[in-house]
C-alpha cells in the first residue's frame, strides 16, 4: 500500500513563499512519477505540476509557470513544491499524487494524499 502525506501548507500573505512537501511510503519512491494538484472551493481539481521518476522531466500549468518549482529527492522519498510570489488566487487545497506512469492528465492517478490547505491573503 502506497501512502502519501502532504505538509507545509498554511496562511501567508500575497507575495510570500511557501514550500509544500509530500512524503511517500510503501514502495520504491523512484517507481513513481509525482504530481501536484490543487482545488479551490467550488472549483474542479487542477493539475499544478508534475515530475518524472528521475526528476529529469517536469511540467507546469500555465498559471504557475515561473513562480512554482517541483522537485524530488528520491533518497528521502519526498516531492516538493516551492511556491513563490503567491497570489490570493493560489488559495486552495493542494494534493500530491503518484503513478507509475508519467502522463499529464486531469485525473486517474493511482495514489493520492489527503491534501494541505494553502491560504493566501491579499
PDB file of N, CA and C in Angstrom:
ATOM      1  N   UNK A   1       0.840  -1.185   0.000  1.00  0.00           N
ATOM      2  CA  UNK A   1       0.000   0.000   0.000  1.00  0.00           C
ATOM      3  C   UNK A   1       0.884   1.247   0.000  1.00  0.00           C
ATOM      4  N   UNK A   2       0.641   2.129  -0.922  1.00  0.00           N
ATOM      5  CA  UNK A   2       1.398   3.376  -1.020  1.00  0.00           C
ATOM      6  C   UNK A   2       0.634   4.462  -0.289  1.00  0.00           C
ATOM      7  N   UNK A   3       1.331   5.194   0.537  1.00  0.00           N
ATOM      8  CA  UNK A   3       0.713   6.299   1.273  1.00  0.00           C
ATOM      9  C   UNK A   3       1.449   7.594   0.985  1.00  0.00           C
ATOM     10  N   UNK A   4       0.675   8.654   0.812  1.00  0.00           N
ATOM     11  CA  UNK A   4       1.216   9.976   0.546  1.00  0.00           C
ATOM     12  C   UNK A   4       0.749  10.925   1.642  1.00  0.00           C
ATOM     13  N   UNK A   5       1.653  11.738   2.127  1.00  0.00           N
ATOM     14  CA  UNK A   5       1.312  12.675   3.189  1.00  0.00           C
ATOM     15  C   UNK A   5       1.893  14.041   2.869  1.00  0.00           C
ATOM     16  N   UNK A   6       0.992  14.999   2.614  1.00  0.00           N
ATOM     17  CA  UNK A   6       1.414  16.367   2.340  1.00  0.00           C
ATOM     18  C   UNK A   6       1.627  17.145   3.632  1.00  0.00           C
ATOM     19  N   UNK A   7       2.504  18.119   3.554  1.00  0.00           N
ATOM     20  CA  UNK A   7       2.718  19.023   4.676  1.00  0.00           C
ATOM     21  C   UNK A   7       3.231  20.348   4.138  1.00  0.00           C
ATOM     22  N   UNK A   8       3.206  21.355   4.986  1.00  0.00           N
ATOM     23  CA  UNK A   8       3.779  22.640   4.626  1.00  0.00           C
ATOM     24  C   UNK A   8       2.786  23.725   4.277  1.00  0.00           C
ATOM     25  N   UNK A   9       1.507  23.381   4.252  1.00  0.00           N
ATOM     26  CA  UNK A   9       0.516  24.404   3.961  1.00  0.00           C
ATOM     27  C   UNK A   9       0.380  25.396   5.101  1.00  0.00           C
ATOM     28  N   UNK A  10      -0.355  26.463   4.833  1.00  0.00           N
ATOM     29  CA  UNK A  10      -0.564  27.457   5.870  1.00  0.00           C
ATOM     30  C   UNK A  10      -1.153  28.723   5.312  1.00  0.00           C
ATOM     31  N   UNK A  11      -1.165  29.744   6.157  1.00  0.00           N
ATOM     32  CA  UNK A  11      -1.690  31.061   5.799  1.00  0.00           C
ATOM     33  C   UNK A  11      -0.525  32.016   5.581  1.00  0.00           C
ATOM     34  N   UNK A  12      -0.475  32.593   4.393  1.00  0.00           N
ATOM     35  CA  UNK A  12       0.587  33.534   4.057  1.00  0.00           C
ATOM     36  C   UNK A  12      -0.017  34.758   3.389  1.00  0.00           C
ATOM     37  N   UNK A  13       0.798  35.771   3.214  1.00  0.00           N
ATOM     38  CA  UNK A  13       0.345  36.976   2.535  1.00  0.00           C
ATOM     39  C   UNK A  13       0.757  36.933   1.059  1.00  0.00           C
ATOM     40  N   UNK A  14       0.057  37.690   0.269  1.00  0.00           N
ATOM     41  CA  UNK A  14       0.401  37.786  -1.143  1.00  0.00           C
ATOM     42  C   UNK A  14       1.861  38.207  -1.297  1.00  0.00           C
ATOM     43  N   UNK A  15       2.556  37.536  -2.211  1.00  0.00           N
ATOM     44  CA  UNK A  15       3.959  37.817  -2.433  1.00  0.00           C
ATOM     45  C   UNK A  15       4.903  36.920  -1.651  1.00  0.00           C
ATOM     46  N   UNK A  16       4.377  36.244  -0.658  1.00  0.00           N
ATOM     47  CA  UNK A  16       5.196  35.343   0.160  1.00  0.00           C
ATOM     48  C   UNK A  16       5.506  34.048  -0.577  1.00  0.00           C
ATOM     49  N   UNK A  17       6.360  33.259   0.054  1.00  0.00           N
ATOM     50  CA  UNK A  17       6.725  31.940  -0.476  1.00  0.00           C
ATOM     51  C   UNK A  17       6.328  30.859   0.522  1.00  0.00           C
ATOM     52  N   UNK A  18       6.158  29.666  -0.019  1.00  0.00           N
ATOM     53  CA  UNK A  18       5.801  28.522   0.809  1.00  0.00           C
ATOM     54  C   UNK A  18       6.313  27.269   0.103  1.00  0.00           C
ATOM     55  N   UNK A  19       6.782  26.299   0.863  1.00  0.00           N
ATOM     56  CA  UNK A  19       7.208  25.047   0.264  1.00  0.00           C
ATOM     57  C   UNK A  19       6.369  23.906   0.818  1.00  0.00           C
ATOM     58  N   UNK A  20       5.733  23.191  -0.080  1.00  0.00           N
ATOM     59  CA  UNK A  20       4.980  22.008   0.285  1.00  0.00           C
ATOM     60  C   UNK A  20       5.848  20.775   0.115  1.00  0.00           C
ATOM     61  N   UNK A  21       5.604  19.800   0.966  1.00  0.00           N
ATOM     62  CA  UNK A  21       6.295  18.515   0.865  1.00  0.00           C
ATOM     63  C   UNK A  21       5.266  17.403   0.788  1.00  0.00           C
ATOM     64  N   UNK A  22       5.651  16.337   0.145  1.00  0.00           N
ATOM     65  CA  UNK A  22       4.799  15.150   0.082  1.00  0.00           C
ATOM     66  C   UNK A  22       5.698  13.934   0.290  1.00  0.00           C
ATOM     67  N   UNK A  23       5.529  13.299   1.432  1.00  0.00           N
ATOM     68  CA  UNK A  23       6.323  12.118   1.757  1.00  0.00           C
ATOM     69  C   UNK A  23       5.570  10.871   1.300  1.00  0.00           C
ATOM     70  N   UNK A  24       6.291   9.982   0.665  1.00  0.00           N
ATOM     71  CA  UNK A  24       5.693   8.766   0.111  1.00  0.00           C
ATOM     72  C   UNK A  24       6.265   7.543   0.812  1.00  0.00           C
ATOM     73  N   UNK A  25       5.415   6.652   1.220  1.00  0.00           N
ATOM     74  CA  UNK A  25       5.863   5.422   1.862  1.00  0.00           C
ATOM     75  C   UNK A  25       5.152   4.237   1.236  1.00  0.00           C
ATOM     76  N   UNK A  26       5.747   3.083   1.385  1.00  0.00           N
ATOM     77  CA  UNK A  26       5.095   1.864   0.962  1.00  0.00           C
ATOM     78  C   UNK A  26       5.782   1.118  -0.152  1.00  0.00           C
ATOM     79  N   UNK A  27       6.336   1.834  -1.117  1.00  0.00           N
ATOM     80  CA  UNK A  27       7.038   1.183  -2.210  1.00  0.00           C
ATOM     81  C   UNK A  27       8.162   2.082  -2.683  1.00  0.00           C
ATOM     82  N   UNK A  28       8.975   1.579  -3.577  1.00  0.00           N
ATOM     83  CA  UNK A  28      10.118   2.348  -4.064  1.00  0.00           C
ATOM     84  C   UNK A  28       9.654   3.662  -4.683  1.00  0.00           C
ATOM     85  N   UNK A  29      10.071   4.739  -4.071  1.00  0.00           N
ATOM     86  CA  UNK A  29       9.632   6.068  -4.496  1.00  0.00           C
ATOM     87  C   UNK A  29      10.003   6.332  -5.944  1.00  0.00           C
ATOM     88  N   UNK A  30      11.167   5.864  -6.344  1.00  0.00           N
ATOM     89  CA  UNK A  30      11.627   6.137  -7.702  1.00  0.00           C
ATOM     90  C   UNK A  30      10.799   5.418  -8.764  1.00  0.00           C
ATOM     91  N   UNK A  31       9.881   4.557  -8.336  1.00  0.00           N
ATOM     92  CA  UNK A  31       8.988   3.882  -9.275  1.00  0.00           C
ATOM     93  C   UNK A  31       7.853   4.774  -9.742  1.00  0.00           C
ATOM     94  N   UNK A  32       7.711   5.920  -9.098  1.00  0.00           N
ATOM     95  CA  UNK A  32       6.552   6.765  -9.332  1.00  0.00           C
ATOM     96  C   UNK A  32       6.909   8.119  -9.897  1.00  0.00           C
ATOM     97  N   UNK A  33       6.143   8.516 -10.896  1.00  0.00           N
ATOM     98  CA  UNK A  33       6.104   9.920 -11.259  1.00  0.00           C
ATOM     99  C   UNK A  33       5.198  10.610 -10.246  1.00  0.00           C
ATOM    100  N   UNK A  34       5.454  11.876  -9.989  1.00  0.00           N
ATOM    101  CA  UNK A  34       4.738  12.581  -8.947  1.00  0.00           C
ATOM    102  C   UNK A  34       4.057  13.827  -9.498  1.00  0.00           C
ATOM    103  N   UNK A  35       2.954  14.160  -8.880  1.00  0.00           N
ATOM    104  CA  UNK A  35       2.114  15.250  -9.366  1.00  0.00           C
ATOM    105  C   UNK A  35       1.613  16.090  -8.200  1.00  0.00           C
ATOM    106  N   UNK A  36       1.436  17.369  -8.461  1.00  0.00           N
ATOM    107  CA  UNK A  36       0.749  18.262  -7.529  1.00  0.00           C
ATOM    108  C   UNK A  36      -0.512  18.781  -8.214  1.00  0.00           C
ATOM    109  N   UNK A  37      -1.595  18.749  -7.470  1.00  0.00           N
ATOM    110  CA  UNK A  37      -2.873  19.293  -7.904  1.00  0.00           C
ATOM    111  C   UNK A  37      -3.338  20.317  -6.881  1.00  0.00           C
ATOM    112  N   UNK A  38      -4.326  21.090  -7.244  1.00  0.00           N
ATOM    113  CA  UNK A  38      -4.966  21.967  -6.278  1.00  0.00           C
ATOM    114  C   UNK A  38      -6.444  22.071  -6.603  1.00  0.00           C
ATOM    115  N   UNK A  39      -7.207  22.330  -5.543  1.00  0.00           N
ATOM    116  CA  UNK A  39      -8.647  22.504  -5.700  1.00  0.00           C
ATOM    117  C   UNK A  39      -9.114  23.646  -4.821  1.00  0.00           C
ATOM    118  N   UNK A  40      -9.615  24.680  -5.452  1.00  0.00           N
ATOM    119  CA  UNK A  40     -10.182  25.810  -4.731  1.00  0.00           C
ATOM    120  C   UNK A  40     -11.658  25.545  -4.468  1.00  0.00           C
ATOM    121  N   UNK A  41     -12.242  26.200  -3.469  1.00  0.00           N
ATOM    122  CA  UNK A  41     -13.659  25.983  -3.162  1.00  0.00           C
ATOM    123  C   UNK A  41     -14.550  26.225  -4.367  1.00  0.00           C
ATOM    124  N   UNK A  42     -15.402  25.268  -4.663  1.00  0.00           N
ATOM    125  CA  UNK A  42     -16.332  25.407  -5.763  1.00  0.00           C
ATOM    126  C   UNK A  42     -15.756  25.191  -7.142  1.00  0.00           C
ATOM    127  N   UNK A  43     -14.486  24.821  -7.188  1.00  0.00           N
ATOM    128  CA  UNK A  43     -13.837  24.634  -8.487  1.00  0.00           C
ATOM    129  C   UNK A  43     -13.332  23.209  -8.623  1.00  0.00           C
ATOM    130  N   UNK A  44     -13.045  22.830  -9.853  1.00  0.00           N
ATOM    131  CA  UNK A  44     -12.530  21.492 -10.067  1.00  0.00           C
ATOM    132  C   UNK A  44     -11.062  21.400  -9.678  1.00  0.00           C
ATOM    133  N   UNK A  45     -10.602  20.184  -9.512  1.00  0.00           N
ATOM    134  CA  UNK A  45      -9.204  19.968  -9.177  1.00  0.00           C
ATOM    135  C   UNK A  45      -8.358  20.151 -10.428  1.00  0.00           C
ATOM    136  N   UNK A  46      -7.327  20.970 -10.326  1.00  0.00           N
ATOM    137  CA  UNK A  46      -6.447  21.263 -11.460  1.00  0.00           C
ATOM    138  C   UNK A  46      -5.046  20.738 -11.203  1.00  0.00           C
ATOM    139  N   UNK A  47      -4.419  20.255 -12.239  1.00  0.00           N
ATOM    140  CA  UNK A  47      -3.023  19.880 -12.102  1.00  0.00           C
ATOM    141  C   UNK A  47      -2.172  21.143 -12.016  1.00  0.00           C
ATOM    142  N   UNK A  48      -1.193  21.110 -11.153  1.00  0.00           N
ATOM    143  CA  UNK A  48      -0.303  22.248 -10.954  1.00  0.00           C
ATOM    144  C   UNK A  48       1.066  21.970 -11.556  1.00  0.00           C
ATOM    145  N   UNK A  49       1.616  20.806 -11.242  1.00  0.00           N
ATOM    146  CA  UNK A  49       2.962  20.472 -11.694  1.00  0.00           C
ATOM    147  C   UNK A  49       3.142  18.967 -11.668  1.00  0.00           C
ATOM    148  N   UNK A  50       4.129  18.518 -12.428  1.00  0.00           N
ATOM    149  CA  UNK A  50       4.433  17.090 -12.487  1.00  0.00           C
ATOM    150  C   UNK A  50       5.933  16.905 -12.644  1.00  0.00           C
ATOM    151  N   UNK A  51       6.417  15.767 -12.176  1.00  0.00           N
ATOM    152  CA  UNK A  51       7.836  15.472 -12.299  1.00  0.00           C
ATOM    153  C   UNK A  51       8.000  13.983 -12.573  1.00  0.00           C
ATOM    154  N   UNK A  52       8.888  13.666 -13.466  1.00  0.00           N
ATOM    155  CA  UNK A  52       9.094  12.277 -13.854  1.00  0.00           C
ATOM    156  C   UNK A  52       9.837  11.502 -12.772  1.00  0.00           C
ATOM    157  N   UNK A  53       9.979  10.226 -12.986  1.00  0.00           N
ATOM    158  CA  UNK A  53      10.548   9.335 -11.971  1.00  0.00           C
ATOM    159  C   UNK A  53      11.931   9.787 -11.511  1.00  0.00           C
ATOM    160  N   UNK A  54      12.756  10.168 -12.451  1.00  0.00           N
ATOM    161  CA  UNK A  54      14.130  10.568 -12.122  1.00  0.00           C
ATOM    162  C   UNK A  54      14.242  12.055 -11.834  1.00  0.00           C
ATOM    163  N   UNK A  55      13.200  12.782 -12.152  1.00  0.00           N
ATOM    164  CA  UNK A  55      13.240  14.235 -12.000  1.00  0.00           C
ATOM    165  C   UNK A  55      13.737  14.960 -13.229  1.00  0.00           C
ATOM    166  N   UNK A  56      14.018  14.211 -14.273  1.00  0.00           N
ATOM    167  CA  UNK A  56      14.572  14.823 -15.462  1.00  0.00           C
ATOM    168  C   UNK A  56      13.583  15.568 -16.325  1.00  0.00           C
ATOM    169  N   UNK A  57      12.300  15.325 -16.105  1.00  0.00           N
ATOM    170  CA  UNK A  57      11.266  15.994 -16.875  1.00  0.00           C
ATOM    171  C   UNK A  57      10.234  16.588 -15.928  1.00  0.00           C
ATOM    172  N   UNK A  58       9.836  17.822 -16.204  1.00  0.00           N
ATOM    173  CA  UNK A  58       8.830  18.472 -15.379  1.00  0.00           C
ATOM    174  C   UNK A  58       7.776  19.129 -16.256  1.00  0.00           C
ATOM    175  N   UNK A  59       6.636  19.375 -15.639  1.00  0.00           N
ATOM    176  CA  UNK A  59       5.525  20.053 -16.301  1.00  0.00           C
ATOM    177  C   UNK A  59       4.942  21.063 -15.320  1.00  0.00           C
ATOM    178  N   UNK A  60       4.524  22.204 -15.856  1.00  0.00           N
ATOM    179  CA  UNK A  60       3.860  23.215 -15.038  1.00  0.00           C
ATOM    180  C   UNK A  60       2.613  23.721 -15.756  1.00  0.00           C
ATOM    181  N   UNK A  61       1.565  23.914 -14.981  1.00  0.00           N
ATOM    182  CA  UNK A  61       0.399  24.583 -15.523  1.00  0.00           C
ATOM    183  C   UNK A  61       0.742  26.037 -15.802  1.00  0.00           C
ATOM    184  N   UNK A  62       0.085  26.595 -16.771  1.00  0.00           N
ATOM    185  CA  UNK A  62       0.390  27.953 -17.174  1.00  0.00           C
ATOM    186  C   UNK A  62       0.238  28.970 -16.051  1.00  0.00           C
ATOM    187  N   UNK A  63      -0.731  28.730 -15.167  1.00  0.00           N
ATOM    188  CA  UNK A  63      -0.988  29.723 -14.122  1.00  0.00           C
ATOM    189  C   UNK A  63       0.072  29.731 -13.017  1.00  0.00           C
ATOM    190  N   UNK A  64       1.009  28.787 -13.019  1.00  0.00           N
ATOM    191  CA  UNK A  64       2.071  28.805 -12.012  1.00  0.00           C
ATOM    192  C   UNK A  64       3.465  28.859 -12.621  1.00  0.00           C
ATOM    193  N   UNK A  65       3.533  28.793 -13.925  1.00  0.00           N
ATOM    194  CA  UNK A  65       4.835  28.739 -14.571  1.00  0.00           C
ATOM    195  C   UNK A  65       5.652  29.988 -14.218  1.00  0.00           C
ATOM    196  N   UNK A  66       6.879  29.744 -13.809  1.00  0.00           N
ATOM    197  CA  UNK A  66       7.757  30.840 -13.425  1.00  0.00           C
ATOM    198  C   UNK A  66       7.680  31.192 -11.956  1.00  0.00           C
ATOM    199  N   UNK A  67       6.664  30.703 -11.252  1.00  0.00           N
ATOM    200  CA  UNK A  67       6.511  31.001  -9.836  1.00  0.00           C
ATOM    201  C   UNK A  67       6.701  29.750  -8.965  1.00  0.00           C
ATOM    202  N   UNK A  68       6.278  28.613  -9.454  1.00  0.00           N
ATOM    203  CA  UNK A  68       6.362  27.372  -8.686  1.00  0.00           C
ATOM    204  C   UNK A  68       7.438  26.470  -9.270  1.00  0.00           C
ATOM    205  N   UNK A  69       8.059  25.677  -8.409  1.00  0.00           N
ATOM    206  CA  UNK A  69       9.055  24.711  -8.839  1.00  0.00           C
ATOM    207  C   UNK A  69       8.797  23.373  -8.162  1.00  0.00           C
ATOM    208  N   UNK A  70       8.703  22.332  -8.958  1.00  0.00           N
ATOM    209  CA  UNK A  70       8.545  20.986  -8.418  1.00  0.00           C
ATOM    210  C   UNK A  70       9.909  20.309  -8.429  1.00  0.00           C
ATOM    211  N   UNK A  71      10.189  19.564  -7.384  1.00  0.00           N
ATOM    212  CA  UNK A  71      11.436  18.824  -7.300  1.00  0.00           C
ATOM    213  C   UNK A  71      11.194  17.569  -6.483  1.00  0.00           C
ATOM    214  N   UNK A  72      12.157  16.680  -6.526  1.00  0.00           N
ATOM    215  CA  UNK A  72      12.020  15.446  -5.757  1.00  0.00           C
ATOM    216  C   UNK A  72      13.381  15.027  -5.228  1.00  0.00           C
ATOM    217  N   UNK A  73      13.348  14.352  -4.109  1.00  0.00           N
ATOM    218  CA  UNK A  73      14.544  13.776  -3.515  1.00  0.00           C
ATOM    219  C   UNK A  73      14.267  12.284  -3.353  1.00  0.00           C
ATOM    220  N   UNK A  74      14.782  11.493  -4.247  1.00  0.00           N
ATOM    221  CA  UNK A  74      14.479  10.070  -4.219  1.00  0.00           C
ATOM    222  C   UNK A  74      15.099   9.367  -3.008  1.00  0.00           C
ATOM    223  N   UNK A  75      16.124   9.956  -2.446  1.00  0.00           N
ATOM    224  CA  UNK A  75      16.727   9.381  -1.242  1.00  0.00           C
ATOM    225  C   UNK A  75      15.847   9.610  -0.015  1.00  0.00           C
ATOM    226  N   UNK A  76      15.030  10.655  -0.064  1.00  0.00           N
ATOM    227  CA  UNK A  76      14.155  10.987   1.070  1.00  0.00           C
ATOM    228  C   UNK A  76      12.701  10.620   0.798  1.00  0.00           C
ATOM    229  N   UNK A  77      12.429  10.025  -0.364  1.00  0.00           N
ATOM    230  CA  UNK A  77      11.053   9.631  -0.718  1.00  0.00           C
ATOM    231  C   UNK A  77      10.092  10.805  -0.629  1.00  0.00           C
ATOM    232  N   UNK A  78      10.529  11.946  -1.099  1.00  0.00           N
ATOM    233  CA  UNK A  78       9.749  13.166  -0.934  1.00  0.00           C
ATOM    234  C   UNK A  78       9.746  13.990  -2.222  1.00  0.00           C
ATOM    235  N   UNK A  79       8.595  14.553  -2.520  1.00  0.00           N
ATOM    236  CA  UNK A  79       8.476  15.512  -3.611  1.00  0.00           C
ATOM    237  C   UNK A  79       8.100  16.857  -3.000  1.00  0.00           C
ATOM    238  N   UNK A  80       8.588  17.923  -3.609  1.00  0.00           N
ATOM    239  CA  UNK A  80       8.394  19.264  -3.081  1.00  0.00           C
ATOM    240  C   UNK A  80       7.705  20.153  -4.116  1.00  0.00           C
ATOM    241  N   UNK A  81       7.053  21.169  -3.611  1.00  0.00           N
ATOM    242  CA  UNK A  81       6.520  22.219  -4.464  1.00  0.00           C
ATOM    243  C   UNK A  81       6.892  23.547  -3.823  1.00  0.00           C
ATOM    244  N   UNK A  82       7.871  24.197  -4.408  1.00  0.00           N
ATOM    245  CA  UNK A  82       8.271  25.527  -3.947  1.00  0.00           C
ATOM    246  C   UNK A  82       7.389  26.543  -4.636  1.00  0.00           C
ATOM    247  N   UNK A  83       6.699  27.327  -3.837  1.00  0.00           N
ATOM    248  CA  UNK A  83       5.750  28.302  -4.369  1.00  0.00           C
ATOM    249  C   UNK A  83       6.210  29.698  -3.996  1.00  0.00           C
ATOM    250  N   UNK A  84       6.523  30.492  -4.990  1.00  0.00           N
ATOM    251  CA  UNK A  84       6.966  31.863  -4.790  1.00  0.00           C
ATOM    252  C   UNK A  84       5.949  32.837  -5.350  1.00  0.00           C
ATOM    253  N   UNK A  85       6.057  34.072  -4.917  1.00  0.00           N
ATOM    254  CA  UNK A  85       5.166  35.136  -5.408  1.00  0.00           C
ATOM    255  C   UNK A  85       3.702  34.697  -5.358  1.00  0.00           C
ATOM    256  N   UNK A  86       3.308  34.196  -4.219  1.00  0.00           N
ATOM    257  CA  UNK A  86       1.951  33.668  -4.080  1.00  0.00           C
ATOM    258  C   UNK A  86       0.910  34.775  -4.237  1.00  0.00           C
ATOM    259  N   UNK A  87      -0.219  34.376  -4.824  1.00  0.00           N
ATOM    260  CA  UNK A  87      -1.331  35.287  -5.068  1.00  0.00           C
ATOM    261  C   UNK A  87      -2.575  34.760  -4.348  1.00  0.00           C
ATOM    262  N   UNK A  88      -3.508  35.628  -4.054  1.00  0.00           N
ATOM    263  CA  UNK A  88      -4.745  35.141  -3.412  1.00  0.00           C
ATOM    264  C   UNK A  88      -5.432  34.035  -4.209  1.00  0.00           C
ATOM    265  N   UNK A  89      -5.324  34.086  -5.521  1.00  0.00           N
ATOM    266  CA  UNK A  89      -5.954  33.054  -6.351  1.00  0.00           C
ATOM    267  C   UNK A  89      -5.253  31.700  -6.268  1.00  0.00           C
ATOM    268  N   UNK A  90      -4.114  31.650  -5.594  1.00  0.00           N
ATOM    269  CA  UNK A  90      -3.451  30.362  -5.347  1.00  0.00           C
ATOM    270  C   UNK A  90      -4.062  29.639  -4.146  1.00  0.00           C
ATOM    271  N   UNK A  91      -4.971  30.298  -3.458  1.00  0.00           N
ATOM    272  CA  UNK A  91      -5.623  29.685  -2.311  1.00  0.00           C
ATOM    273  C   UNK A  91      -6.383  28.434  -2.738  1.00  0.00           C
ATOM    274  N   UNK A  92      -6.063  27.317  -2.095  1.00  0.00           N
ATOM    275  CA  UNK A  92      -6.657  26.032  -2.468  1.00  0.00           C
ATOM    276  C   UNK A  92      -6.144  24.960  -1.519  1.00  0.00           C
ATOM    277  N   UNK A  93      -6.755  23.800  -1.619  1.00  0.00           N
ATOM    278  CA  UNK A  93      -6.178  22.612  -1.012  1.00  0.00           C
ATOM    279  C   UNK A  93      -5.254  21.980  -2.055  1.00  0.00           C
ATOM    280  N   UNK A  94      -4.031  21.740  -1.654  1.00  0.00           N
ATOM    281  CA  UNK A  94      -3.034  21.171  -2.556  1.00  0.00           C
ATOM    282  C   UNK A  94      -2.857  19.694  -2.252  1.00  0.00           C
ATOM    283  N   UNK A  95      -2.902  18.903  -3.308  1.00  0.00           N
ATOM    284  CA  UNK A  95      -2.780  17.458  -3.188  1.00  0.00           C
ATOM    285  C   UNK A  95      -1.579  16.962  -3.978  1.00  0.00           C
ATOM    286  N   UNK A  96      -0.927  15.947  -3.461  1.00  0.00           N
ATOM    287  CA  UNK A  96       0.064  15.260  -4.282  1.00  0.00           C
ATOM    288  C   UNK A  96      -0.516  13.918  -4.726  1.00  0.00           C
ATOM    289  N   UNK A  97      -0.030  13.457  -5.838  1.00  0.00           N
ATOM    290  CA  UNK A  97      -0.466  12.193  -6.406  1.00  0.00           C
ATOM    291  C   UNK A  97       0.737  11.454  -6.958  1.00  0.00           C
ATOM    292  N   UNK A  98       0.593  10.132  -7.046  1.00  0.00           N
ATOM    293  CA  UNK A  98       1.680   9.292  -7.556  1.00  0.00           C
ATOM    294  C   UNK A  98       1.118   8.290  -8.546  1.00  0.00           C
ATOM    295  N   UNK A  99       1.915   7.988  -9.537  1.00  0.00           N
ATOM    296  CA  UNK A  99       1.523   6.986 -10.516  1.00  0.00           C
ATOM    297  C   UNK A  99       2.784   6.423 -11.156  1.00  0.00           C
ATOM    298  N   UNK A 100       2.710   5.181 -11.559  1.00  0.00           N
ATOM    299  CA  UNK A 100       3.879   4.587 -12.201  1.00  0.00           C
ATOM    300  C   UNK A 100       4.122   5.175 -13.591  1.00  0.00           C
ATOM    301  N   UNK A 101       3.098   5.770 -14.171  1.00  0.00           N
ATOM    302  CA  UNK A 101       3.247   6.412 -15.471  1.00  0.00           C
ATOM    303  C   UNK A 101       3.446   7.903 -15.323  1.00  0.00           C
ATOM    304  N   UNK A 102       4.281   8.461 -16.190  1.00  0.00           N
ATOM    305  CA  UNK A 102       4.440   9.912 -16.258  1.00  0.00           C
ATOM    306  C   UNK A 102       3.599  10.400 -17.428  1.00  0.00           C
ATOM    307  N   UNK A 103       2.364  10.740 -17.096  1.00  0.00           N
ATOM    308  CA  UNK A 103       1.415  11.214 -18.087  1.00  0.00           C
ATOM    309  C   UNK A 103       0.633  12.352 -17.458  1.00  0.00           C
ATOM    310  N   UNK A 104       0.681  13.489 -18.070  1.00  0.00           N
ATOM    311  CA  UNK A 104      -0.025  14.652 -17.517  1.00  0.00           C
ATOM    312  C   UNK A 104      -1.481  14.593 -17.963  1.00  0.00           C
ATOM    313  N   UNK A 105      -2.361  14.513 -17.009  1.00  0.00           N
ATOM    314  CA  UNK A 105      -3.794  14.458 -17.289  1.00  0.00           C
ATOM    315  C   UNK A 105      -4.533  15.018 -16.088  1.00  0.00           C
ATOM    316  N   UNK A 106      -5.831  15.146 -16.193  1.00  0.00           N
ATOM    317  CA  UNK A 106      -6.590  15.807 -15.140  1.00  0.00           C
ATOM    318  C   UNK A 106      -6.957  14.889 -13.987  1.00  0.00           C
ATOM    319  N   UNK A 107      -6.943  13.616 -14.197  1.00  0.00           N
ATOM    320  CA  UNK A 107      -7.336  12.694 -13.137  1.00  0.00           C
ATOM    321  C   UNK A 107      -6.835  11.301 -13.480  1.00  0.00           C
ATOM    322  N   UNK A 108      -7.203  10.334 -12.641  1.00  0.00           N
ATOM    323  CA  UNK A 108      -6.881   8.954 -12.946  1.00  0.00           C
ATOM    324  C   UNK A 108      -5.578   8.461 -12.380  1.00  0.00           C
ATOM    325  N   UNK A 109      -4.968   9.220 -11.486  1.00  0.00           N
ATOM    326  CA  UNK A 109      -3.719   8.761 -10.891  1.00  0.00           C
ATOM    327  C   UNK A 109      -3.991   7.741  -9.798  1.00  0.00           C
ATOM    328  N   UNK A 110      -2.987   6.888  -9.561  1.00  0.00           N
ATOM    329  CA  UNK A 110      -3.219   5.734  -8.710  1.00  0.00           C
ATOM    330  C   UNK A 110      -3.341   6.077  -7.226  1.00  0.00           C
ATOM    331  N   UNK A 111      -2.520   6.984  -6.760  1.00  0.00           N
ATOM    332  CA  UNK A 111      -2.471   7.251  -5.323  1.00  0.00           C
ATOM    333  C   UNK A 111      -2.534   8.751  -5.061  1.00  0.00           C
ATOM    334  N   UNK A 112      -3.222   9.097  -3.976  1.00  0.00           N
ATOM    335  CA  UNK A 112      -3.431  10.497  -3.604  1.00  0.00           C
ATOM    336  C   UNK A 112      -3.191  10.705  -2.128  1.00  0.00           C
ATOM    337  N   UNK A 113      -2.726  11.894  -1.808  1.00  0.00           N
ATOM    338  CA  UNK A 113      -2.644  12.295  -0.424  1.00  0.00           C
ATOM    339  C   UNK A 113      -3.945  12.947   0.027  1.00  0.00           C
ATOM    340  N   UNK A 114      -3.974  13.348   1.271  1.00  0.00           N
ATOM    341  CA  UNK A 114      -5.182  13.927   1.863  1.00  0.00           C
ATOM    342  C   UNK A 114      -5.301  15.434   1.610  1.00  0.00           C
ATOM    343  N   UNK A 115      -4.212  16.044   1.222  1.00  0.00           N
ATOM    344  CA  UNK A 115      -4.240  17.463   0.905  1.00  0.00           C
ATOM    345  C   UNK A 115      -3.771  18.331   2.051  1.00  0.00           C
ATOM    346  N   UNK A 116      -3.287  19.513   1.698  1.00  0.00           N
ATOM    347  CA  UNK A 116      -2.875  20.514   2.676  1.00  0.00           C
ATOM    348  C   UNK A 116      -3.390  21.865   2.205  1.00  0.00           C
ATOM    349  N   UNK A 117      -3.933  22.628   3.155  1.00  0.00           N
ATOM    350  CA  UNK A 117      -4.561  23.897   2.810  1.00  0.00           C
ATOM    351  C   UNK A 117      -3.516  24.995   2.669  1.00  0.00           C
ATOM    352  N   UNK A 118      -3.605  25.725   1.587  1.00  0.00           N
ATOM    353  CA  UNK A 118      -2.798  26.929   1.384  1.00  0.00           C
ATOM    354  C   UNK A 118      -3.759  28.097   1.238  1.00  0.00           C
ATOM    355  N   UNK A 119      -3.580  29.095   2.073  1.00  0.00           N
ATOM    356  CA  UNK A 119      -4.410  30.290   2.025  1.00  0.00           C
ATOM    357  C   UNK A 119      -3.520  31.497   1.866  1.00  0.00           C
ATOM    358  N   UNK A 120      -3.793  32.288   0.841  1.00  0.00           N
ATOM    359  CA  UNK A 120      -3.006  33.480   0.559  1.00  0.00           C
ATOM    360  C   UNK A 120      -3.901  34.696   0.738  1.00  0.00           C
ATOM    361  N   UNK A 121      -3.550  35.529   1.675  1.00  0.00           N
ATOM    362  CA  UNK A 121      -4.339  36.734   1.927  1.00  0.00           C
ATOM    363  C   UNK A 121      -3.799  37.906   1.116  1.00  0.00           C
ATOM    364  N   UNK A 122      -4.685  38.815   0.793  1.00  0.00           N
ATOM    365  CA  UNK A 122      -4.278  39.970  -0.027  1.00  0.00           C
ATOM    366  C   UNK A 122      -3.819  41.120   0.839  1.00  0.00           C
TER     367      UNK A 122
END
